[in-house]
Amino acid sequence: MGALNLSWETLIYRLPAIVLALTVHEYAHGRTAYHFGDPTAYEAGRLTFNPLAHLDPIGTLALIFLGFGWAKPVPVNPYNFQGNRVTKMMWVAGAGPLSNLLQALVMSILFSLLWHFGPTGNSALVVWLHNFLFYFIMINIVLAVFNLLPIPPLDGSKILAGLLPPSQMNIIFALERYGFIILIVMMWFGLLGNIITPLVFAVLRTMLRLVGLGFLT
């Protein structure tokens, strides 16, 4: 998405938004896996809203400075799932991005209520709330779109693997060891931003129109 020009004023609303978005994303993965019978995340101390259990230093810095990033992956053992493991793994993978879209929708509703019925003026609190809510919406959409890319080890690759026949599913898993390199190369040549940016703004425009704030896009 490009480097961001940061200041202490922007950090005071961006950091809380990033921490909350990443924490809920990873918690959603772990809670869904636990629901399907896998206690791995619980035993690893990841079924918590404590951000220290989830944040990856490099991934968090990438979100701050580049506009997209990641948290520490939640450990999941699909062999503990009860029933169809492939389908349940797809649900576990999709739970993180879905949690981000739900967070963005809830905050869009709050943003609309604040815009139409909240206090007016340029007080520090009003400006902070507007900035925080808008950035929170944006960063959650970025996380959802980024993680839904079908590139290992992102969540989208696990969803794609579940949709493929077993022979092709193994290809996705084999690429996982090279996934981080693929992402770095795509980022270096600007391909990642070129893919993510139009998708992010398409989702943002749709969401803001749904809550009566389409004029902001």
C-alpha atoms as a PDB file:
ATOM      1  CA  MET A   1       0.000   0.000   0.000  1.00  0.00           C
ATOM      2  CA  GLY A   2       3.042   2.247   0.135  1.00  0.00           C
ATOM      3  CA  ALA A   3       4.953   3.754   3.011  1.00  0.00           C
ATOM      4  CA  LEU A   4       3.019   5.938   5.398  1.00  0.00           C
ATOM      5  CA  ASN A   5       4.009   9.375   6.667  1.00  0.00           C
ATOM      6  CA  LEU A   6       3.647   8.918  10.401  1.00  0.00           C
ATOM      7  CA  SER A   7       3.612  11.316  13.309  1.00  0.00           C
ATOM      8  CA  TRP A   8       2.913  10.907  16.986  1.00  0.00           C
ATOM      9  CA  GLU A   9      -0.559  12.328  16.358  1.00  0.00           C
ATOM     10  CA  THR A  10      -1.397   9.586  13.876  1.00  0.00           C
ATOM     11  CA  LEU A  11       0.190   6.843  15.950  1.00  0.00           C
ATOM     12  CA  ILE A  12      -2.160   7.496  18.874  1.00  0.00           C
ATOM     13  CA  TYR A  13      -5.119   6.278  16.829  1.00  0.00           C
ATOM     14  CA  ARG A  14      -3.381   3.887  14.447  1.00  0.00           C
ATOM     15  CA  LEU A  15      -1.678   1.763  17.087  1.00  0.00           C
ATOM     16  CA  PRO A  16      -4.871   0.978  19.070  1.00  0.00           C
ATOM     17  CA  ALA A  17      -6.688   0.143  15.835  1.00  0.00           C
ATOM     18  CA  ILE A  18      -3.918  -2.186  14.637  1.00  0.00           C
ATOM     19  CA  VAL A  19      -3.559  -3.938  17.995  1.00  0.00           C
ATOM     20  CA  LEU A  20      -7.302  -4.552  18.327  1.00  0.00           C
ATOM     21  CA  ALA A  21      -7.746  -5.706  14.717  1.00  0.00           C
ATOM     22  CA  LEU A  22      -4.862  -8.199  14.876  1.00  0.00           C
ATOM     23  CA  THR A  23      -5.849  -9.518  18.302  1.00  0.00           C
ATOM     24  CA  VAL A  24      -9.456 -10.242  17.353  1.00  0.00           C
ATOM     25  CA  HIS A  25      -8.323 -11.792  14.054  1.00  0.00           C
ATOM     26  CA  GLU A  26      -6.076 -14.345  15.759  1.00  0.00           C
ATOM     27  CA  TYR A  27      -8.532 -14.988  18.578  1.00  0.00           C
ATOM     28  CA  ALA A  28     -11.196 -15.817  15.977  1.00  0.00           C
ATOM     29  CA  HIS A  29      -8.927 -18.476  14.450  1.00  0.00           C
ATOM     30  CA  GLY A  30      -8.234 -20.074  17.818  1.00  0.00           C
ATOM     31  CA  ARG A  31     -11.820 -19.917  19.071  1.00  0.00           C
ATOM     32  CA  THR A  32     -13.176 -21.495  15.883  1.00  0.00           C
ATOM     33  CA  ALA A  33     -10.618 -24.310  16.040  1.00  0.00           C
ATOM     34  CA  TYR A  34     -11.496 -24.864  19.718  1.00  0.00           C
ATOM     35  CA  HIS A  35     -15.186 -24.998  18.784  1.00  0.00           C
ATOM     36  CA  PHE A  36     -14.397 -27.797  16.333  1.00  0.00           C
ATOM     37  CA  GLY A  37     -12.546 -29.810  18.987  1.00  0.00           C
ATOM     38  CA  ASP A  38      -8.933 -28.640  18.667  1.00  0.00           C
ATOM     39  CA  PRO A  39      -7.494 -27.413  22.016  1.00  0.00           C
ATOM     40  CA  THR A  40      -4.058 -26.526  20.555  1.00  0.00           C
ATOM     41  CA  ALA A  41      -4.583 -22.744  20.602  1.00  0.00           C
ATOM     42  CA  TYR A  42      -6.103 -22.920  24.082  1.00  0.00           C
ATOM     43  CA  GLU A  43      -3.169 -24.918  25.423  1.00  0.00           C
ATOM     44  CA  ALA A  44      -0.770 -22.426  23.818  1.00  0.00           C
ATOM     45  CA  GLY A  45      -2.456 -19.539  25.636  1.00  0.00           C
ATOM     46  CA  ARG A  46      -3.848 -18.025  22.446  1.00  0.00           C
ATOM     47  CA  LEU A  47      -7.547 -17.983  23.397  1.00  0.00           C
ATOM     48  CA  THR A  48      -7.173 -14.554  24.927  1.00  0.00           C
ATOM     49  CA  PHE A  49      -7.732 -10.932  24.008  1.00  0.00           C
ATOM     50  CA  ASN A  50      -4.338 -10.051  25.441  1.00  0.00           C
ATOM     51  CA  PRO A  51      -2.520  -8.564  22.415  1.00  0.00           C
ATOM     52  CA  LEU A  52       0.875  -9.649  23.734  1.00  0.00           C
ATOM     53  CA  ALA A  53      -0.091 -13.245  22.996  1.00  0.00           C
ATOM     54  CA  HIS A  54      -0.792 -12.493  19.335  1.00  0.00           C
ATOM     55  CA  LEU A  55       1.316  -9.615  18.008  1.00  0.00           C
ATOM     56  CA  ASP A  56       4.285 -10.296  15.769  1.00  0.00           C
ATOM     57  CA  PRO A  57       6.796  -7.408  16.007  1.00  0.00           C
ATOM     58  CA  ILE A  58       7.711  -7.413  12.306  1.00  0.00           C
ATOM     59  CA  GLY A  59       4.147  -7.900  11.136  1.00  0.00           C
ATOM     60  CA  THR A  60       2.906  -5.102  13.379  1.00  0.00           C
ATOM     61  CA  LEU A  61       5.604  -2.717  12.141  1.00  0.00           C
ATOM     62  CA  ALA A  62       4.723  -3.662   8.557  1.00  0.00           C
ATOM     63  CA  LEU A  63       1.120  -2.673   9.222  1.00  0.00           C
ATOM     64  CA  ILE A  64       2.203   0.654  10.677  1.00  0.00           C
ATOM     65  CA  PHE A  65       4.698   1.590   7.962  1.00  0.00           C
ATOM     66  CA  LEU A  66       3.497  -0.320   4.877  1.00  0.00           C
ATOM     67  CA  GLY A  67      -0.247  -0.602   5.429  1.00  0.00           C
ATOM     68  CA  PHE A  68      -0.429  -4.414   5.523  1.00  0.00           C
ATOM     69  CA  GLY A  69       1.010  -7.001   7.886  1.00  0.00           C
ATOM     70  CA  TRP A  70       0.348 -10.005  10.094  1.00  0.00           C
ATOM     71  CA  ALA A  71       0.284 -11.395  13.628  1.00  0.00           C
ATOM     72  CA  LYS A  72       1.723 -14.615  15.065  1.00  0.00           C
ATOM     73  CA  PRO A  73      -0.151 -17.543  13.479  1.00  0.00           C
ATOM     74  CA  VAL A  74      -2.419 -19.426  15.865  1.00  0.00           C
ATOM     75  CA  PRO A  75      -1.362 -23.094  16.145  1.00  0.00           C
ATOM     76  CA  VAL A  76      -4.034 -25.430  14.800  1.00  0.00           C
ATOM     77  CA  ASN A  77      -4.063 -29.232  14.593  1.00  0.00           C
ATOM     78  CA  PRO A  78      -6.820 -30.319  12.183  1.00  0.00           C
ATOM     79  CA  TYR A  79      -6.438 -33.947  13.301  1.00  0.00           C
ATOM     80  CA  ASN A  80      -8.298 -32.930  16.450  1.00  0.00           C
ATOM     81  CA  PHE A  81     -11.316 -31.743  14.488  1.00  0.00           C
ATOM     82  CA  GLN A  82     -14.510 -33.727  14.776  1.00  0.00           C
ATOM     83  CA  GLY A  83     -16.013 -34.447  11.363  1.00  0.00           C
ATOM     84  CA  ASN A  84     -14.802 -33.224   7.978  1.00  0.00           C
ATOM     85  CA  ARG A  85     -11.313 -31.860   8.647  1.00  0.00           C
ATOM     86  CA  VAL A  86     -10.953 -30.083   5.300  1.00  0.00           C
ATOM     87  CA  THR A  87     -14.218 -28.161   5.646  1.00  0.00           C
ATOM     88  CA  LYS A  88     -13.502 -27.252   9.251  1.00  0.00           C
ATOM     89  CA  MET A  89     -10.013 -26.059   8.389  1.00  0.00           C
ATOM     90  CA  MET A  90     -11.591 -23.770   5.799  1.00  0.00           C
ATOM     91  CA  TRP A  91     -13.866 -22.337   8.486  1.00  0.00           C
ATOM     92  CA  VAL A  92     -10.926 -21.838  10.839  1.00  0.00           C
ATOM     93  CA  ALA A  93      -8.943 -20.064   8.104  1.00  0.00           C
ATOM     94  CA  GLY A  94     -11.892 -17.891   7.136  1.00  0.00           C
ATOM     95  CA  ALA A  95     -12.739 -16.935  10.726  1.00  0.00           C
ATOM     96  CA  GLY A  96      -9.907 -14.386  10.929  1.00  0.00           C
ATOM     97  CA  PRO A  97     -10.762 -12.354   7.803  1.00  0.00           C
ATOM     98  CA  LEU A  98     -14.479 -12.655   8.629  1.00  0.00           C
ATOM     99  CA  SER A  99     -13.833 -11.206  12.092  1.00  0.00           C
ATOM    100  CA  ASN A 100     -12.082  -8.250  10.460  1.00  0.00           C
ATOM    101  CA  LEU A 101     -14.980  -7.601   8.102  1.00  0.00           C
ATOM    102  CA  LEU A 102     -17.440  -7.775  11.020  1.00  0.00           C
ATOM    103  CA  GLN A 103     -15.300  -5.362  13.036  1.00  0.00           C
ATOM    104  CA  ALA A 104     -15.184  -2.996  10.063  1.00  0.00           C
ATOM    105  CA  LEU A 105     -18.972  -3.182   9.674  1.00  0.00           C
ATOM    106  CA  VAL A 106     -19.650  -2.524  13.359  1.00  0.00           C
ATOM    107  CA  MET A 107     -17.255   0.415  13.388  1.00  0.00           C
ATOM    108  CA  SER A 108     -18.803   1.734  10.154  1.00  0.00           C
ATOM    109  CA  ILE A 109     -22.183   1.814  11.895  1.00  0.00           C
ATOM    110  CA  LEU A 110     -20.665   3.607  14.910  1.00  0.00           C
ATOM    111  CA  PHE A 111     -18.867   6.006  12.569  1.00  0.00           C
ATOM    112  CA  SER A 112     -22.141   6.804  10.804  1.00  0.00           C
ATOM    113  CA  LEU A 113     -23.942   7.406  14.116  1.00  0.00           C
ATOM    114  CA  LEU A 114     -21.140   9.670  15.294  1.00  0.00           C
ATOM    115  CA  TRP A 115     -21.060  11.550  11.992  1.00  0.00           C
ATOM    116  CA  HIS A 116     -24.816  12.169  11.899  1.00  0.00           C
ATOM    117  CA  PHE A 117     -25.721  12.441  15.585  1.00  0.00           C
ATOM    118  CA  GLY A 118     -22.491  12.956  17.508  1.00  0.00           C
ATOM    119  CA  PRO A 119     -20.866  16.160  18.742  1.00  0.00           C
ATOM    120  CA  THR A 120     -19.650  18.616  16.148  1.00  0.00           C
ATOM    121  CA  GLY A 121     -16.611  20.861  16.091  1.00  0.00           C
ATOM    122  CA  ASN A 122     -12.897  20.316  15.941  1.00  0.00           C
ATOM    123  CA  SER A 123     -12.209  19.354  19.532  1.00  0.00           C
ATOM    124  CA  ALA A 124      -9.335  16.928  20.091  1.00  0.00           C
ATOM    125  CA  LEU A 125     -11.719  14.150  21.177  1.00  0.00           C
ATOM    126  CA  VAL A 126     -14.005  14.479  18.149  1.00  0.00           C
ATOM    127  CA  VAL A 127     -11.058  14.536  15.742  1.00  0.00           C
ATOM    128  CA  TRP A 128      -9.475  11.525  17.451  1.00  0.00           C
ATOM    129  CA  LEU A 129     -12.729   9.542  17.326  1.00  0.00           C
ATOM    130  CA  HIS A 130     -13.252  10.259  13.635  1.00  0.00           C
ATOM    131  CA  ASN A 131      -9.660   9.360  12.795  1.00  0.00           C
ATOM    132  CA  PHE A 132      -9.671   6.234  14.960  1.00  0.00           C
ATOM    133  CA  LEU A 133     -12.954   4.892  13.592  1.00  0.00           C
ATOM    134  CA  PHE A 134     -12.029   5.546   9.967  1.00  0.00           C
ATOM    135  CA  TYR A 135      -8.581   4.006  10.308  1.00  0.00           C
ATOM    136  CA  PHE A 136      -9.989   1.061  12.270  1.00  0.00           C
ATOM    137  CA  ILE A 137     -12.425   0.377   9.450  1.00  0.00           C
ATOM    138  CA  MET A 138      -9.640   0.678   6.887  1.00  0.00           C
ATOM    139  CA  ILE A 139      -7.103  -1.517   8.680  1.00  0.00           C
ATOM    140  CA  ASN A 140      -9.666  -4.285   9.227  1.00  0.00           C
ATOM    141  CA  ILE A 141     -10.556  -4.281   5.545  1.00  0.00           C
ATOM    142  CA  VAL A 142      -6.853  -4.371   4.653  1.00  0.00           C
ATOM    143  CA  LEU A 143      -6.306  -7.358   6.964  1.00  0.00           C
ATOM    144  CA  ALA A 144      -9.313  -9.196   5.540  1.00  0.00           C
ATOM    145  CA  VAL A 145      -8.323  -8.632   1.905  1.00  0.00           C
ATOM    146  CA  PHE A 146      -4.627  -9.345   2.488  1.00  0.00           C
ATOM    147  CA  ASN A 147      -5.286 -12.585   4.379  1.00  0.00           C
ATOM    148  CA  LEU A 148      -7.786 -13.811   1.783  1.00  0.00           C
ATOM    149  CA  LEU A 149      -5.129 -13.790  -0.940  1.00  0.00           C
ATOM    150  CA  PRO A 150      -4.597 -17.442  -2.030  1.00  0.00           C
ATOM    151  CA  ILE A 151      -0.874 -17.321  -1.270  1.00  0.00           C
ATOM    152  CA  PRO A 152       0.590 -19.624   1.387  1.00  0.00           C
ATOM    153  CA  PRO A 153       0.658 -19.238   4.339  1.00  0.00           C
ATOM    154  CA  LEU A 154      -2.198 -16.695   4.223  1.00  0.00           C
ATOM    155  CA  ASP A 155      -5.721 -17.764   5.161  1.00  0.00           C
ATOM    156  CA  GLY A 156      -6.885 -17.624   1.562  1.00  0.00           C
ATOM    157  CA  SER A 157      -4.488 -20.415   0.612  1.00  0.00           C
ATOM    158  CA  LYS A 158      -6.086 -22.730   3.185  1.00  0.00           C
ATOM    159  CA  ILE A 159      -9.544 -21.878   1.895  1.00  0.00           C
ATOM    160  CA  LEU A 160      -8.390 -22.522  -1.674  1.00  0.00           C
ATOM    161  CA  ALA A 161      -6.779 -25.823  -0.643  1.00  0.00           C
ATOM    162  CA  GLY A 162     -10.096 -26.985   0.778  1.00  0.00           C
ATOM    163  CA  LEU A 163     -11.811 -26.272  -2.523  1.00  0.00           C
ATOM    164  CA  LEU A 164      -9.301 -28.243  -4.599  1.00  0.00           C
ATOM    165  CA  PRO A 165      -9.084 -32.014  -5.138  1.00  0.00           C
ATOM    166  CA  PRO A 166      -6.527 -33.758  -2.883  1.00  0.00           C
ATOM    167  CA  SER A 167      -3.852 -33.979  -5.599  1.00  0.00           C
ATOM    168  CA  GLN A 168      -3.874 -30.214  -6.188  1.00  0.00           C
ATOM    169  CA  MET A 169      -4.330 -29.465  -2.489  1.00  0.00           C
ATOM    170  CA  ASN A 170      -0.850 -30.839  -1.870  1.00  0.00           C
ATOM    171  CA  ILE A 171       0.598 -28.284  -4.296  1.00  0.00           C
ATOM    172  CA  ILE A 172      -0.700 -25.469  -2.082  1.00  0.00           C
ATOM    173  CA  PHE A 173       0.826 -27.073   1.003  1.00  0.00           C
ATOM    174  CA  ALA A 174       4.148 -27.616  -0.797  1.00  0.00           C
ATOM    175  CA  LEU A 175       4.329 -23.918  -1.660  1.00  0.00           C
ATOM    176  CA  GLU A 176       3.899 -22.893   1.975  1.00  0.00           C
ATOM    177  CA  ARG A 177       7.629 -22.998   2.691  1.00  0.00           C
ATOM    178  CA  TYR A 178       8.151 -20.421  -0.055  1.00  0.00           C
ATOM    179  CA  GLY A 179       5.121 -18.294   0.756  1.00  0.00           C
ATOM    180  CA  PHE A 180       6.922 -15.604   2.697  1.00  0.00           C
ATOM    181  CA  ILE A 181       9.486 -15.219  -0.092  1.00  0.00           C
ATOM    182  CA  ILE A 182       6.690 -14.928  -2.650  1.00  0.00           C
ATOM    183  CA  LEU A 183       5.037 -12.186  -0.592  1.00  0.00           C
ATOM    184  CA  ILE A 184       8.312 -10.277  -0.192  1.00  0.00           C
ATOM    185  CA  VAL A 185       8.994 -10.429  -3.943  1.00  0.00           C
ATOM    186  CA  MET A 186       5.453  -9.281  -4.723  1.00  0.00           C
ATOM    187  CA  MET A 187       5.807  -6.441  -2.254  1.00  0.00           C
ATOM    188  CA  TRP A 188       9.219  -5.430  -3.628  1.00  0.00           C
ATOM    189  CA  PHE A 189       7.899  -5.121  -7.184  1.00  0.00           C
ATOM    190  CA  GLY A 190       4.701  -3.391  -6.098  1.00  0.00           C
ATOM    191  CA  LEU A 191       2.471  -6.275  -7.134  1.00  0.00           C
ATOM    192  CA  LEU A 192       1.035  -6.776  -3.658  1.00  0.00           C
ATOM    193  CA  GLY A 193      -0.092  -3.190  -3.331  1.00  0.00           C
ATOM    194  CA  ASN A 194      -1.491  -3.175  -6.875  1.00  0.00           C
ATOM    195  CA  ILE A 195      -3.660  -6.183  -6.021  1.00  0.00           C
ATOM    196  CA  ILE A 196      -4.725  -5.154  -2.537  1.00  0.00           C
ATOM    197  CA  THR A 197      -5.392  -1.443  -2.984  1.00  0.00           C
ATOM    198  CA  PRO A 198      -8.320  -1.571  -5.465  1.00  0.00           C
ATOM    199  CA  LEU A 199      -9.932  -4.427  -3.542  1.00  0.00           C
ATOM    200  CA  VAL A 200      -9.623  -2.582  -0.236  1.00  0.00           C
ATOM    201  CA  PHE A 201     -11.189   0.589  -1.596  1.00  0.00           C
ATOM    202  CA  ALA A 202     -13.971  -1.365  -3.312  1.00  0.00           C
ATOM    203  CA  VAL A 203     -14.905  -2.987   0.017  1.00  0.00           C
ATOM    204  CA  LEU A 204     -14.538   0.341   1.852  1.00  0.00           C
ATOM    205  CA  ARG A 205     -16.829   2.146  -0.594  1.00  0.00           C
ATOM    206  CA  THR A 206     -19.433  -0.608  -0.333  1.00  0.00           C
ATOM    207  CA  MET A 207     -19.352  -0.639   3.453  1.00  0.00           C
ATOM    208  CA  LEU A 208     -19.599   3.126   3.827  1.00  0.00           C
ATOM    209  CA  ARG A 209     -22.497   3.254   1.374  1.00  0.00           C
ATOM    210  CA  LEU A 210     -24.309   0.626   3.417  1.00  0.00           C
ATOM    211  CA  VAL A 211     -24.198   2.875   6.484  1.00  0.00           C
ATOM    212  CA  GLY A 212     -25.039   6.114   4.673  1.00  0.00           C
ATOM    213  CA  LEU A 213     -21.504   7.509   4.392  1.00  0.00           C
ATOM    214  CA  GLY A 214     -20.946   6.902   0.681  1.00  0.00           C
ATOM    215  CA  PHE A 215     -20.189  10.607   0.183  1.00  0.00           C
ATOM    216  CA  LEU A 216     -16.874  10.103   2.008  1.00  0.00           C
ATOM    217  CA  THR A 217     -15.464   7.879  -0.755  1.00  0.00           C
END
